[in-house]
Amino acid sequence: MSVLGTGIDIVETGRIRESLEKFSDRFVHRCFLPGEIAYCRSMKFPELHFAARFAAKEAISKAFGTGIGKQLGWRDMEICRRDSGEPFVKLHDKGLELAAKRGVTEVFVSLSHCKDYAAAQAVIVGKSTELQR
């Protein structure tokens, strides 16, 4: 198994808070899946958790080398939690197709947030020794 790509992103939580206030459900449903929305909204400061997941999706798209767009969209990735609290990634639709095409067997993600910032790092691993772009 080889590391096929890494990505990192940092987001100002105030920017996400503003998007939640200004665009509400339009923003949320454009970027997040139902499980992510339910989890974030159940927290005392939802914007922190939305921001961490937003950063994670950006980091994953960077690890794939695609960015968010035609090859990999916001809702093609889902940030979930194990019972232990550890985040993990579920790929959907174009995310699954891209992973299969690239030989990706797992996507690792780490999230962090504080009052002003959220950050995430992603590592994709698989059988290939080289990413085919």
Foldseek 3Di string as FASTA:
>chain_A
DFWAFKFKFKDWLVVLVVCCVPVNPVVDVQQADPVQVVVLVVDPHSSQSVQQLSRQQQGVCVRLPHGDDDQHHRHQWHWDADPVRAIAIDGHDSRVVSCVVFFWDGKHKDWDGDNTMIMMMIITDGDDPYGDD
